Protein backbone atom coordinates (compact mmCIF):
# COMPACT_ATOMS: atom_id res chain seq x y z
CA UNK A 1 -12.69 68.95 -57.42
CA UNK A 2 -9.50 69.78 -59.33
CA UNK A 3 -6.16 68.15 -59.61
CA UNK A 4 -3.20 70.12 -60.67
CA UNK A 5 -0.05 68.12 -61.64
CA UNK A 6 3.30 69.80 -62.08
CA UNK A 7 5.67 67.68 -64.29
CA UNK A 8 9.25 68.56 -64.84
CA UNK A 9 12.55 66.91 -65.79
CA UNK A 10 14.60 65.43 -62.94
CA UNK A 11 17.81 67.09 -61.82
CA UNK A 12 20.63 66.05 -64.06
CA UNK A 13 18.43 65.37 -67.13
CA UNK A 14 19.43 67.59 -70.03
CA UNK A 15 16.76 70.26 -70.83
CA UNK A 16 17.40 71.74 -74.22
CA UNK A 17 14.11 73.75 -74.21
CA UNK A 18 15.10 75.19 -70.75
CA UNK A 19 18.50 76.10 -72.11
CA UNK A 20 16.84 77.84 -75.21
CA UNK A 21 14.58 79.78 -72.83
CA UNK A 22 17.46 81.01 -70.69
CA UNK A 23 19.51 81.91 -73.76
CA UNK A 24 16.59 83.79 -75.36
CA UNK A 25 15.91 85.73 -72.06
CA UNK A 26 19.52 86.76 -71.89
CA UNK A 27 19.40 87.83 -75.51
CA UNK A 28 16.35 90.08 -74.67
CA UNK A 29 18.36 91.72 -71.83
CA UNK A 30 17.18 89.66 -68.79
CA UNK A 31 20.72 89.02 -67.68
CA UNK A 32 19.62 88.07 -64.26
CA UNK A 33 18.44 84.65 -65.65
CA UNK A 34 21.23 82.05 -65.14
CA UNK A 35 19.13 78.90 -65.93
CA UNK A 36 15.73 77.79 -66.73
CA UNK A 37 13.88 74.52 -66.55
CA UNK A 38 10.83 73.75 -68.86
CA UNK A 39 7.92 71.54 -67.62
CA UNK A 40 4.24 71.16 -68.03
CA UNK A 41 1.12 71.58 -65.85
CA UNK A 42 -1.92 69.34 -66.32
CA UNK A 43 -5.22 70.28 -64.70
CA UNK A 44 -7.97 67.62 -64.31
CA UNK A 45 -11.52 68.14 -63.21
CA UNK A 46 -12.47 65.17 -61.01
CA UNK A 47 -15.80 63.89 -59.60
CA UNK A 48 -16.12 62.89 -56.01
CA UNK A 49 -15.44 64.57 -52.67
CA UNK A 50 -12.65 62.50 -51.12
CA UNK A 51 -9.35 64.37 -51.53
CA UNK A 52 -7.20 61.51 -50.24
CA UNK A 53 -8.68 59.09 -52.68
CA UNK A 54 -8.38 61.65 -55.55
CA UNK A 55 -4.71 62.18 -54.79
CA UNK A 56 -4.18 58.39 -54.81
CA UNK A 57 -5.95 57.98 -58.11
CA UNK A 58 -4.12 60.91 -59.75
CA UNK A 59 -0.76 59.54 -58.49
CA UNK A 60 -1.62 56.28 -60.34
CA UNK A 61 -2.49 58.31 -63.49
CA UNK A 62 0.84 59.98 -63.34
CA UNK A 63 2.74 56.77 -62.78
CA UNK A 64 0.88 55.09 -65.72
CA UNK A 65 0.58 57.92 -68.23
CA UNK A 66 1.11 61.53 -67.35
CA UNK A 67 4.80 61.50 -66.35
CA UNK A 68 7.79 59.50 -67.69
CA UNK A 69 9.07 58.60 -64.19
CA UNK A 70 12.34 57.60 -65.68
CA UNK A 71 13.39 61.20 -66.47
CA UNK A 72 10.43 63.31 -64.97
CA UNK A 73 9.34 64.05 -61.45
CA UNK A 74 5.82 65.25 -60.58
CA UNK A 75 3.80 66.90 -57.86
CA UNK A 76 0.11 66.52 -57.26
CA UNK A 77 -2.15 69.19 -55.74
CA UNK A 78 -5.81 68.59 -55.10
CA UNK A 79 -8.12 71.61 -54.74
CA UNK A 80 -11.72 71.20 -53.24
């Protein structure tokens, strides 16, 4: 089983990397880009076969280590 965690900054939190990405894309001629937000994706290989239990455990991992919940939000996907 695999867990995929998408972590990104909460709305309203300044994102200098996203701003740099947006500016650079504009400089390269991609004028349709008006803004960008930068985040991270974490993939975990998990043992077991209970998807609900896995999601609960991965959520605990996010709350304790993988996401800074003061400024970041996260989304967990479990794949069988």
